[in-house]
Amino acid sequence: MSHQISLDAYLVHERASLGSRNEYIEGYLIPMDGGTIQHGKIITNIARLMGNHLVGKPCDVFASDVRLKVESAFVKSFRYPDVMVSCEENRRYKDMCESATVLVEVLSESTELTDRVYKSAEYGHILKSTDGEYLVVDPDRPIIEKRMWHNGRFEVVATYGSGDQVVLDSIKLKLSMDDIYI
């Protein structure tokens, strides 16, 4: 039977954990499973392309290992985005971000609902202040959805397919679908 823990207890637990990661949603720990080789390749490709583009700029790219703190009127959570671009000027923590400009989740069977619905709502809250973008990536077929704030709603604003360029206005970058899915 699950029981709730406090934010402070979660942070103590995570900082002491070796090799395991848990997301935190309203007091509950959600264990993070490992991914497939294809899942890992896509994360690495996106992080590499973004990182190369952002060299010398005041933004950092993280792949799967840095927490994102989400606090809104609806939810308090800590997530581990597959890829995160954070341009925070004065970071208060060494092991988590409180702001993001680009967030990426590569889907899996076990996380698709969470990534498309729950994380989309949470990430929308975070990205509103940065006019950022959320990419939802299909690992099996070259399809990427871009979500961002548009006409007062956080919604899908573009869907990219094979041969397309994924446009990330927030960091002035175009990613080739062919480079992501090599």
N, C-alpha and C. Protein backbone atom coordinates (compact mmCIF):
# COMPACT_ATOMS: atom_id res chain seq x y z
N MET A 1 0.83 -1.18 0.00
CA MET A 1 0.00 0.00 0.00
C MET A 1 0.88 1.25 0.00
N SER A 2 0.58 2.21 -0.88
CA SER A 2 1.34 3.45 -0.98
C SER A 2 0.97 4.39 0.15
N HIS A 3 1.94 5.20 0.54
CA HIS A 3 1.66 6.25 1.50
C HIS A 3 2.34 7.53 1.04
N GLN A 4 1.79 8.64 1.44
CA GLN A 4 2.32 9.93 1.01
C GLN A 4 3.55 10.31 1.84
N ILE A 5 4.45 11.06 1.19
CA ILE A 5 5.60 11.61 1.89
C ILE A 5 5.68 13.09 1.59
N SER A 6 6.37 13.82 2.41
CA SER A 6 6.50 15.27 2.22
C SER A 6 7.51 15.58 1.12
N LEU A 7 7.48 16.82 0.63
CA LEU A 7 8.46 17.27 -0.36
C LEU A 7 9.87 17.13 0.19
N ASP A 8 10.07 17.53 1.45
CA ASP A 8 11.40 17.44 2.04
C ASP A 8 11.88 16.00 2.13
N ALA A 9 10.99 15.08 2.53
CA ALA A 9 11.36 13.67 2.62
C ALA A 9 11.70 13.12 1.24
N TYR A 10 10.96 13.53 0.22
CA TYR A 10 11.25 13.11 -1.15
C TYR A 10 12.66 13.55 -1.56
N LEU A 11 12.97 14.81 -1.32
CA LEU A 11 14.28 15.33 -1.72
C LEU A 11 15.41 14.62 -0.99
N VAL A 12 15.25 14.36 0.29
CA VAL A 12 16.25 13.61 1.05
C VAL A 12 16.42 12.21 0.45
N HIS A 13 15.30 11.55 0.16
CA HIS A 13 15.32 10.21 -0.43
C HIS A 13 16.04 10.21 -1.78
N GLU A 14 15.68 11.14 -2.66
CA GLU A 14 16.28 11.18 -4.00
C GLU A 14 17.76 11.50 -3.95
N ARG A 15 18.15 12.42 -3.10
CA ARG A 15 19.56 12.80 -3.02
C ARG A 15 20.41 11.67 -2.46
N ALA A 16 19.82 10.79 -1.66
CA ALA A 16 20.54 9.65 -1.09
C ALA A 16 20.50 8.42 -2.00
N SER A 17 19.61 8.39 -2.97
CA SER A 17 19.45 7.22 -3.84
C SER A 17 20.61 7.11 -4.81
N LEU A 18 21.08 5.89 -4.99
CA LEU A 18 22.13 5.62 -5.96
C LEU A 18 21.54 4.77 -7.07
N GLY A 19 21.49 5.31 -8.27
CA GLY A 19 21.06 4.53 -9.41
C GLY A 19 19.57 4.41 -9.62
N SER A 20 18.76 4.90 -8.69
CA SER A 20 17.31 4.86 -8.94
C SER A 20 16.76 6.27 -8.89
N ARG A 21 15.71 6.50 -9.68
CA ARG A 21 15.08 7.81 -9.72
C ARG A 21 13.59 7.63 -9.56
N ASN A 22 12.99 8.58 -8.88
CA ASN A 22 11.54 8.59 -8.69
C ASN A 22 11.01 9.97 -8.96
N GLU A 23 9.92 10.04 -9.69
CA GLU A 23 9.23 11.31 -9.81
C GLU A 23 8.32 11.44 -8.59
N TYR A 24 7.89 12.66 -8.31
CA TYR A 24 7.07 12.94 -7.13
C TYR A 24 5.83 13.68 -7.60
N ILE A 25 4.66 13.15 -7.25
CA ILE A 25 3.41 13.79 -7.60
C ILE A 25 2.54 13.81 -6.36
N GLU A 26 2.33 15.02 -5.84
CA GLU A 26 1.43 15.22 -4.69
C GLU A 26 1.64 14.21 -3.56
N GLY A 27 2.92 13.98 -3.20
CA GLY A 27 3.21 13.13 -2.07
C GLY A 27 3.51 11.68 -2.39
N TYR A 28 3.36 11.27 -3.63
CA TYR A 28 3.59 9.87 -4.02
C TYR A 28 4.82 9.74 -4.89
N LEU A 29 5.61 8.69 -4.65
CA LEU A 29 6.77 8.40 -5.47
C LEU A 29 6.36 7.54 -6.66
N ILE A 30 6.85 7.90 -7.83
CA ILE A 30 6.59 7.14 -9.05
C ILE A 30 7.96 6.67 -9.58
N PRO A 31 8.28 5.38 -9.47
CA PRO A 31 9.58 4.89 -9.94
C PRO A 31 9.73 5.10 -11.45
N MET A 32 10.94 5.47 -11.85
CA MET A 32 11.25 5.68 -13.25
C MET A 32 11.89 4.41 -13.81
N ASP A 33 11.28 3.87 -14.85
CA ASP A 33 11.81 2.67 -15.49
C ASP A 33 12.90 3.05 -16.49
N GLY A 34 13.72 2.08 -16.82
CA GLY A 34 14.71 2.27 -17.87
C GLY A 34 14.04 2.26 -19.23
N GLY A 35 14.71 2.75 -20.24
CA GLY A 35 14.13 2.81 -21.58
C GLY A 35 14.78 1.84 -22.54
N THR A 36 14.29 1.86 -23.78
CA THR A 36 14.85 1.01 -24.83
C THR A 36 16.05 1.71 -25.46
N ILE A 37 16.79 0.98 -26.27
CA ILE A 37 17.93 1.57 -26.98
C ILE A 37 17.44 2.70 -27.89
N GLN A 38 16.34 2.48 -28.62
CA GLN A 38 15.82 3.52 -29.51
C GLN A 38 15.43 4.77 -28.71
N HIS A 39 14.78 4.57 -27.59
CA HIS A 39 14.39 5.68 -26.70
C HIS A 39 15.64 6.48 -26.30
N GLY A 40 16.68 5.77 -25.87
CA GLY A 40 17.93 6.41 -25.47
C GLY A 40 18.63 7.12 -26.60
N LYS A 41 18.61 6.53 -27.81
CA LYS A 41 19.25 7.18 -28.96
C LYS A 41 18.57 8.49 -29.31
N ILE A 42 17.25 8.51 -29.26
CA ILE A 42 16.52 9.73 -29.59
C ILE A 42 16.81 10.82 -28.56
N ILE A 43 16.81 10.46 -27.28
CA ILE A 43 17.13 11.43 -26.23
C ILE A 43 18.54 12.00 -26.46
N THR A 44 19.49 11.11 -26.71
CA THR A 44 20.87 11.54 -26.93
C THR A 44 20.98 12.44 -28.15
N ASN A 45 20.33 12.08 -29.24
CA ASN A 45 20.40 12.90 -30.45
C ASN A 45 19.83 14.29 -30.22
N ILE A 46 18.67 14.38 -29.57
CA ILE A 46 18.05 15.69 -29.33
C ILE A 46 18.93 16.51 -28.39
N ALA A 47 19.40 15.90 -27.31
CA ALA A 47 20.24 16.64 -26.35
C ALA A 47 21.54 17.12 -27.01
N ARG A 48 22.14 16.26 -27.85
CA ARG A 48 23.38 16.64 -28.54
C ARG A 48 23.15 17.82 -29.49
N LEU A 49 22.09 17.74 -30.29
CA LEU A 49 21.81 18.80 -31.25
C LEU A 49 21.51 20.12 -30.55
N MET A 50 20.71 20.06 -29.47
CA MET A 50 20.41 21.28 -28.72
C MET A 50 21.67 21.80 -28.02
N GLY A 51 22.43 20.90 -27.42
CA GLY A 51 23.65 21.31 -26.72
C GLY A 51 24.65 21.96 -27.65
N ASN A 52 24.86 21.39 -28.83
CA ASN A 52 25.78 21.99 -29.80
C ASN A 52 25.32 23.40 -30.18
N HIS A 53 24.02 23.57 -30.36
CA HIS A 53 23.47 24.87 -30.74
C HIS A 53 23.63 25.90 -29.62
N LEU A 54 23.55 25.46 -28.39
CA LEU A 54 23.54 26.40 -27.25
C LEU A 54 24.91 26.65 -26.63
N VAL A 55 25.98 26.11 -27.23
CA VAL A 55 27.32 26.37 -26.71
C VAL A 55 27.55 27.89 -26.69
N GLY A 56 28.00 28.39 -25.55
CA GLY A 56 28.29 29.82 -25.41
C GLY A 56 27.07 30.68 -25.12
N LYS A 57 25.90 30.05 -25.03
CA LYS A 57 24.68 30.79 -24.71
C LYS A 57 24.31 30.51 -23.25
N PRO A 58 23.47 31.34 -22.65
CA PRO A 58 23.19 31.19 -21.21
C PRO A 58 22.12 30.15 -20.87
N CYS A 59 22.12 29.06 -21.60
CA CYS A 59 21.16 27.98 -21.35
C CYS A 59 21.91 26.67 -21.20
N ASP A 60 21.33 25.76 -20.44
CA ASP A 60 21.90 24.43 -20.24
C ASP A 60 20.94 23.38 -20.77
N VAL A 61 21.50 22.28 -21.26
CA VAL A 61 20.70 21.15 -21.73
C VAL A 61 20.97 19.97 -20.81
N PHE A 62 19.89 19.36 -20.34
CA PHE A 62 19.99 18.20 -19.46
C PHE A 62 19.23 17.04 -20.09
N ALA A 63 19.78 15.84 -19.96
CA ALA A 63 19.14 14.64 -20.50
C ALA A 63 18.82 13.67 -19.38
N SER A 64 17.57 13.66 -18.95
CA SER A 64 17.00 12.64 -18.07
C SER A 64 17.46 12.62 -16.62
N ASP A 65 18.48 13.36 -16.25
CA ASP A 65 19.02 13.17 -14.91
C ASP A 65 18.86 14.37 -13.97
N VAL A 66 18.20 15.42 -14.42
CA VAL A 66 17.99 16.60 -13.57
C VAL A 66 16.48 16.79 -13.39
N ARG A 67 16.11 16.99 -12.13
CA ARG A 67 14.69 17.19 -11.80
C ARG A 67 14.21 18.57 -12.21
N LEU A 68 12.91 18.62 -12.52
CA LEU A 68 12.20 19.86 -12.76
C LEU A 68 11.14 19.99 -11.67
N LYS A 69 11.18 21.08 -10.93
CA LYS A 69 10.20 21.33 -9.87
C LYS A 69 8.99 22.04 -10.48
N VAL A 70 7.81 21.47 -10.26
CA VAL A 70 6.57 22.05 -10.78
C VAL A 70 5.67 22.37 -9.59
N GLU A 71 5.32 23.63 -9.46
CA GLU A 71 4.38 24.03 -8.41
C GLU A 71 3.33 24.94 -9.02
N SER A 72 2.10 24.53 -8.88
CA SER A 72 0.99 25.35 -9.35
C SER A 72 -0.14 25.22 -8.34
N ALA A 73 -1.23 25.88 -8.60
CA ALA A 73 -2.40 25.77 -7.72
C ALA A 73 -2.97 24.35 -7.76
N PHE A 74 -2.64 23.57 -8.79
CA PHE A 74 -3.23 22.26 -8.99
C PHE A 74 -2.34 21.09 -8.57
N VAL A 75 -1.02 21.28 -8.63
CA VAL A 75 -0.13 20.14 -8.40
C VAL A 75 1.23 20.63 -7.89
N LYS A 76 1.84 19.78 -7.08
CA LYS A 76 3.24 19.94 -6.70
C LYS A 76 3.92 18.64 -7.12
N SER A 77 4.90 18.78 -8.01
CA SER A 77 5.56 17.57 -8.49
C SER A 77 7.02 17.86 -8.82
N PHE A 78 7.77 16.77 -8.94
CA PHE A 78 9.13 16.81 -9.45
C PHE A 78 9.16 15.80 -10.58
N ARG A 79 9.60 16.23 -11.73
CA ARG A 79 9.66 15.37 -12.91
C ARG A 79 11.10 15.28 -13.41
N TYR A 80 11.39 14.23 -14.15
CA TYR A 80 12.66 14.06 -14.84
C TYR A 80 12.38 14.07 -16.34
N PRO A 81 12.34 15.24 -16.98
CA PRO A 81 12.10 15.25 -18.43
C PRO A 81 13.21 14.50 -19.16
N ASP A 82 12.86 13.89 -20.28
CA ASP A 82 13.89 13.19 -21.07
C ASP A 82 14.96 14.17 -21.53
N VAL A 83 14.56 15.34 -21.98
CA VAL A 83 15.49 16.42 -22.33
C VAL A 83 14.88 17.72 -21.81
N MET A 84 15.74 18.57 -21.25
CA MET A 84 15.28 19.86 -20.73
C MET A 84 16.31 20.92 -21.07
N VAL A 85 15.82 22.05 -21.59
CA VAL A 85 16.66 23.24 -21.76
C VAL A 85 16.20 24.22 -20.70
N SER A 86 17.15 24.64 -19.87
CA SER A 86 16.84 25.61 -18.81
C SER A 86 17.77 26.81 -18.97
N CYS A 87 17.17 27.99 -18.95
CA CYS A 87 17.92 29.24 -19.09
C CYS A 87 17.82 30.07 -17.81
N GLU A 88 17.68 29.39 -16.67
CA GLU A 88 17.58 30.08 -15.38
C GLU A 88 18.85 30.89 -15.13
N GLU A 89 18.67 32.12 -14.72
CA GLU A 89 19.84 32.96 -14.47
C GLU A 89 20.47 32.69 -13.11
N ASN A 90 19.68 32.61 -12.09
CA ASN A 90 20.20 32.40 -10.74
C ASN A 90 19.60 31.13 -10.15
N ARG A 91 20.19 30.02 -10.50
CA ARG A 91 19.69 28.73 -10.05
C ARG A 91 19.87 28.59 -8.55
N ARG A 92 18.80 28.24 -7.85
CA ARG A 92 18.86 28.11 -6.39
C ARG A 92 19.33 26.73 -5.94
N TYR A 93 19.25 25.74 -6.82
CA TYR A 93 19.57 24.36 -6.44
C TYR A 93 20.64 23.79 -7.38
N LYS A 94 21.43 22.86 -6.85
CA LYS A 94 22.45 22.19 -7.65
C LYS A 94 21.91 20.98 -8.39
N ASP A 95 20.73 20.49 -7.97
CA ASP A 95 20.23 19.23 -8.53
C ASP A 95 18.83 19.32 -9.11
N MET A 96 18.33 20.54 -9.33
CA MET A 96 17.01 20.67 -9.95
C MET A 96 16.84 22.05 -10.56
N CYS A 97 15.92 22.12 -11.51
CA CYS A 97 15.57 23.39 -12.14
C CYS A 97 14.14 23.76 -11.74
N GLU A 98 13.88 25.05 -11.71
CA GLU A 98 12.54 25.55 -11.42
C GLU A 98 11.91 26.21 -12.63
N SER A 99 12.66 26.27 -13.71
CA SER A 99 12.18 26.90 -14.94
C SER A 99 12.76 26.13 -16.12
N ALA A 100 12.03 26.14 -17.23
CA ALA A 100 12.52 25.48 -18.45
C ALA A 100 12.03 26.26 -19.66
N THR A 101 12.77 26.13 -20.74
CA THR A 101 12.41 26.77 -22.00
C THR A 101 11.96 25.74 -23.02
N VAL A 102 12.59 24.57 -23.01
CA VAL A 102 12.17 23.46 -23.87
C VAL A 102 12.14 22.20 -23.01
N LEU A 103 11.07 21.43 -23.15
CA LEU A 103 10.94 20.14 -22.48
C LEU A 103 10.62 19.08 -23.52
N VAL A 104 11.20 17.90 -23.37
CA VAL A 104 11.01 16.82 -24.33
C VAL A 104 10.71 15.53 -23.57
N GLU A 105 9.69 14.82 -24.02
CA GLU A 105 9.42 13.47 -23.52
C GLU A 105 9.33 12.54 -24.72
N VAL A 106 10.10 11.45 -24.67
CA VAL A 106 10.03 10.40 -25.67
C VAL A 106 9.06 9.35 -25.11
N LEU A 107 8.02 9.08 -25.86
CA LEU A 107 6.96 8.19 -25.38
C LEU A 107 7.44 6.75 -25.21
N SER A 108 6.76 6.05 -24.30
CA SER A 108 6.88 4.61 -24.19
C SER A 108 5.49 4.09 -23.86
N GLU A 109 5.29 2.80 -23.99
CA GLU A 109 3.96 2.24 -23.70
C GLU A 109 3.50 2.60 -22.30
N SER A 110 4.41 2.52 -21.34
CA SER A 110 4.02 2.73 -19.95
C SER A 110 3.85 4.20 -19.57
N THR A 111 4.39 5.13 -20.39
CA THR A 111 4.32 6.55 -20.02
C THR A 111 3.49 7.42 -20.95
N GLU A 112 2.96 6.86 -22.03
CA GLU A 112 2.31 7.70 -23.04
C GLU A 112 1.17 8.54 -22.47
N LEU A 113 0.30 7.96 -21.69
CA LEU A 113 -0.81 8.72 -21.11
C LEU A 113 -0.29 9.84 -20.21
N THR A 114 0.65 9.50 -19.35
CA THR A 114 1.22 10.51 -18.45
C THR A 114 1.89 11.63 -19.24
N ASP A 115 2.68 11.28 -20.26
CA ASP A 115 3.39 12.29 -21.04
C ASP A 115 2.44 13.20 -21.82
N ARG A 116 1.40 12.62 -22.39
CA ARG A 116 0.48 13.40 -23.22
C ARG A 116 -0.52 14.23 -22.41
N VAL A 117 -0.92 13.75 -21.23
CA VAL A 117 -1.97 14.42 -20.47
C VAL A 117 -1.42 15.12 -19.24
N TYR A 118 -0.93 14.35 -18.28
CA TYR A 118 -0.53 14.92 -17.00
C TYR A 118 0.70 15.81 -17.11
N LYS A 119 1.76 15.29 -17.75
CA LYS A 119 2.96 16.11 -17.90
C LYS A 119 2.69 17.31 -18.80
N SER A 120 1.85 17.14 -19.80
CA SER A 120 1.52 18.27 -20.66
C SER A 120 0.92 19.42 -19.85
N ALA A 121 0.02 19.11 -18.94
CA ALA A 121 -0.58 20.15 -18.10
C ALA A 121 0.46 20.77 -17.17
N GLU A 122 1.29 19.94 -16.56
CA GLU A 122 2.32 20.46 -15.66
C GLU A 122 3.36 21.28 -16.42
N TYR A 123 3.82 20.75 -17.54
CA TYR A 123 4.82 21.46 -18.32
C TYR A 123 4.26 22.75 -18.91
N GLY A 124 2.99 22.74 -19.26
CA GLY A 124 2.35 23.97 -19.74
C GLY A 124 2.45 25.08 -18.71
N HIS A 125 2.27 24.73 -17.44
CA HIS A 125 2.40 25.72 -16.36
C HIS A 125 3.81 26.30 -16.33
N ILE A 126 4.82 25.43 -16.40
CA ILE A 126 6.23 25.85 -16.37
C ILE A 126 6.57 26.70 -17.59
N LEU A 127 6.12 26.28 -18.76
CA LEU A 127 6.53 26.92 -20.01
C LEU A 127 5.81 28.24 -20.29
N LYS A 128 4.75 28.51 -19.58
CA LYS A 128 4.01 29.75 -19.82
C LYS A 128 4.89 30.98 -19.60
N SER A 129 5.71 30.95 -18.56
CA SER A 129 6.53 32.12 -18.23
C SER A 129 7.72 32.31 -19.16
N THR A 130 8.08 31.27 -19.92
CA THR A 130 9.24 31.38 -20.82
C THR A 130 8.85 31.35 -22.30
N ASP A 131 7.55 31.28 -22.58
CA ASP A 131 7.09 31.08 -23.96
C ASP A 131 7.79 29.89 -24.59
N GLY A 132 7.94 28.84 -23.79
CA GLY A 132 8.68 27.67 -24.23
C GLY A 132 7.84 26.64 -24.96
N GLU A 133 8.51 25.55 -25.32
CA GLU A 133 7.90 24.50 -26.13
C GLU A 133 8.10 23.13 -25.49
N TYR A 134 7.10 22.28 -25.69
CA TYR A 134 7.12 20.90 -25.21
C TYR A 134 7.01 19.99 -26.41
N LEU A 135 8.00 19.11 -26.57
CA LEU A 135 7.99 18.14 -27.67
C LEU A 135 7.62 16.77 -27.13
N VAL A 136 6.64 16.15 -27.78
CA VAL A 136 6.22 14.78 -27.47
C VAL A 136 6.67 13.94 -28.66
N VAL A 137 7.59 13.00 -28.40
CA VAL A 137 8.30 12.30 -29.47
C VAL A 137 7.89 10.83 -29.50
N ASP A 138 7.48 10.36 -30.67
CA ASP A 138 7.17 8.95 -30.88
C ASP A 138 8.50 8.24 -31.16
N PRO A 139 8.85 7.21 -30.38
CA PRO A 139 10.14 6.55 -30.60
C PRO A 139 10.15 5.58 -31.77
N ASP A 140 8.98 5.15 -32.22
CA ASP A 140 8.92 4.11 -33.24
C ASP A 140 8.69 4.64 -34.65
N ARG A 141 8.09 5.80 -34.75
CA ARG A 141 7.81 6.42 -36.05
C ARG A 141 8.26 7.87 -35.99
N PRO A 142 8.74 8.43 -37.08
CA PRO A 142 9.19 9.83 -37.05
C PRO A 142 8.01 10.81 -36.97
N ILE A 143 7.50 10.96 -35.76
CA ILE A 143 6.40 11.89 -35.51
C ILE A 143 6.71 12.63 -34.20
N ILE A 144 6.70 13.95 -34.27
CA ILE A 144 6.91 14.78 -33.08
C ILE A 144 5.81 15.83 -33.04
N GLU A 145 5.16 15.94 -31.89
CA GLU A 145 4.17 17.00 -31.66
C GLU A 145 4.84 18.11 -30.87
N LYS A 146 4.59 19.35 -31.28
CA LYS A 146 5.06 20.51 -30.52
C LYS A 146 3.87 21.16 -29.85
N ARG A 147 3.97 21.34 -28.53
CA ARG A 147 2.92 21.98 -27.76
C ARG A 147 3.48 23.27 -27.17
N MET A 148 2.63 24.29 -27.19
CA MET A 148 3.00 25.55 -26.56
C MET A 148 1.75 26.38 -26.34
N TRP A 149 1.91 27.52 -25.69
CA TRP A 149 0.78 28.41 -25.45
C TRP A 149 0.38 29.09 -26.75
N HIS A 150 -0.91 29.03 -27.07
CA HIS A 150 -1.44 29.62 -28.30
C HIS A 150 -2.87 30.04 -28.03
N ASN A 151 -3.16 31.30 -28.21
CA ASN A 151 -4.52 31.83 -27.98
C ASN A 151 -5.06 31.45 -26.60
N GLY A 152 -4.19 31.57 -25.58
CA GLY A 152 -4.63 31.33 -24.21
C GLY A 152 -4.72 29.88 -23.79
N ARG A 153 -4.29 28.96 -24.65
CA ARG A 153 -4.35 27.53 -24.33
C ARG A 153 -3.00 26.88 -24.60
N PHE A 154 -2.66 25.88 -23.80
CA PHE A 154 -1.46 25.08 -24.04
C PHE A 154 -1.91 23.91 -24.90
N GLU A 155 -1.47 23.88 -26.16
CA GLU A 155 -2.01 22.90 -27.10
C GLU A 155 -0.99 22.52 -28.16
N VAL A 156 -1.32 21.48 -28.92
CA VAL A 156 -0.49 21.07 -30.05
C VAL A 156 -0.59 22.15 -31.12
N VAL A 157 0.56 22.71 -31.48
CA VAL A 157 0.58 23.76 -32.51
C VAL A 157 1.23 23.30 -33.80
N ALA A 158 1.94 22.16 -33.75
CA ALA A 158 2.56 21.62 -34.96
C ALA A 158 2.83 20.14 -34.77
N THR A 159 2.74 19.40 -35.86
CA THR A 159 3.12 17.99 -35.88
C THR A 159 4.11 17.82 -37.02
N TYR A 160 5.26 17.24 -36.70
CA TYR A 160 6.34 17.08 -37.67
C TYR A 160 6.49 15.62 -38.05
N GLY A 161 6.85 15.39 -39.31
CA GLY A 161 7.07 14.04 -39.80
C GLY A 161 8.41 13.92 -40.51
N SER A 162 8.63 12.78 -41.12
CA SER A 162 9.88 12.48 -41.81
C SER A 162 10.24 13.59 -42.79
N GLY A 163 11.49 14.04 -42.74
CA GLY A 163 11.98 15.08 -43.65
C GLY A 163 11.71 16.50 -43.18
N ASP A 164 10.90 16.69 -42.15
CA ASP A 164 10.57 18.03 -41.65
C ASP A 164 11.68 18.59 -40.77
N GLN A 165 11.56 19.88 -40.49
CA GLN A 165 12.42 20.58 -39.54
C GLN A 165 11.56 20.95 -38.33
N VAL A 166 11.95 20.52 -37.14
CA VAL A 166 11.25 20.89 -35.91
C VAL A 166 11.73 22.29 -35.52
N VAL A 167 10.80 23.24 -35.49
CA VAL A 167 11.14 24.63 -35.23
C VAL A 167 10.96 24.93 -33.74
N LEU A 168 12.04 25.35 -33.11
CA LEU A 168 12.02 25.75 -31.70
C LEU A 168 12.36 27.23 -31.63
N ASP A 169 11.32 28.05 -31.67
CA ASP A 169 11.52 29.50 -31.67
C ASP A 169 12.16 29.99 -30.39
N SER A 170 11.86 29.34 -29.26
CA SER A 170 12.36 29.82 -27.97
C SER A 170 13.88 29.80 -27.87
N ILE A 171 14.53 28.89 -28.59
CA ILE A 171 16.00 28.84 -28.58
C ILE A 171 16.58 29.04 -29.98
N LYS A 172 15.73 29.49 -30.90
CA LYS A 172 16.16 29.80 -32.27
C LYS A 172 16.92 28.63 -32.92
N LEU A 173 16.22 27.48 -32.98
CA LEU A 173 16.83 26.26 -33.50
C LEU A 173 15.84 25.51 -34.36
N LYS A 174 16.34 24.95 -35.45
CA LYS A 174 15.58 24.01 -36.28
C LYS A 174 16.29 22.67 -36.21
N LEU A 175 15.55 21.64 -35.78
CA LEU A 175 16.08 20.29 -35.69
C LEU A 175 15.57 19.46 -36.85
N SER A 176 16.47 18.82 -37.56
CA SER A 176 16.08 17.94 -38.66
C SER A 176 15.55 16.63 -38.09
N MET A 177 14.36 16.24 -38.54
CA MET A 177 13.80 14.95 -38.12
C MET A 177 14.77 13.82 -38.48
N ASP A 178 15.44 13.95 -39.62
CA ASP A 178 16.38 12.92 -40.05
C ASP A 178 17.55 12.80 -39.07
N ASP A 179 17.97 13.91 -38.46
CA ASP A 179 19.06 13.87 -37.47
C ASP A 179 18.60 13.30 -36.14
N ILE A 180 17.34 13.48 -35.82
CA ILE A 180 16.79 12.95 -34.56
C ILE A 180 16.62 11.44 -34.65
N TYR A 181 16.16 10.96 -35.81
CA TYR A 181 15.83 9.54 -35.98
C TYR A 181 16.91 8.78 -36.74
N ILE A 182 18.18 9.07 -36.54
CA ILE A 182 19.24 8.31 -37.22
C ILE A 182 19.52 7.02 -36.50
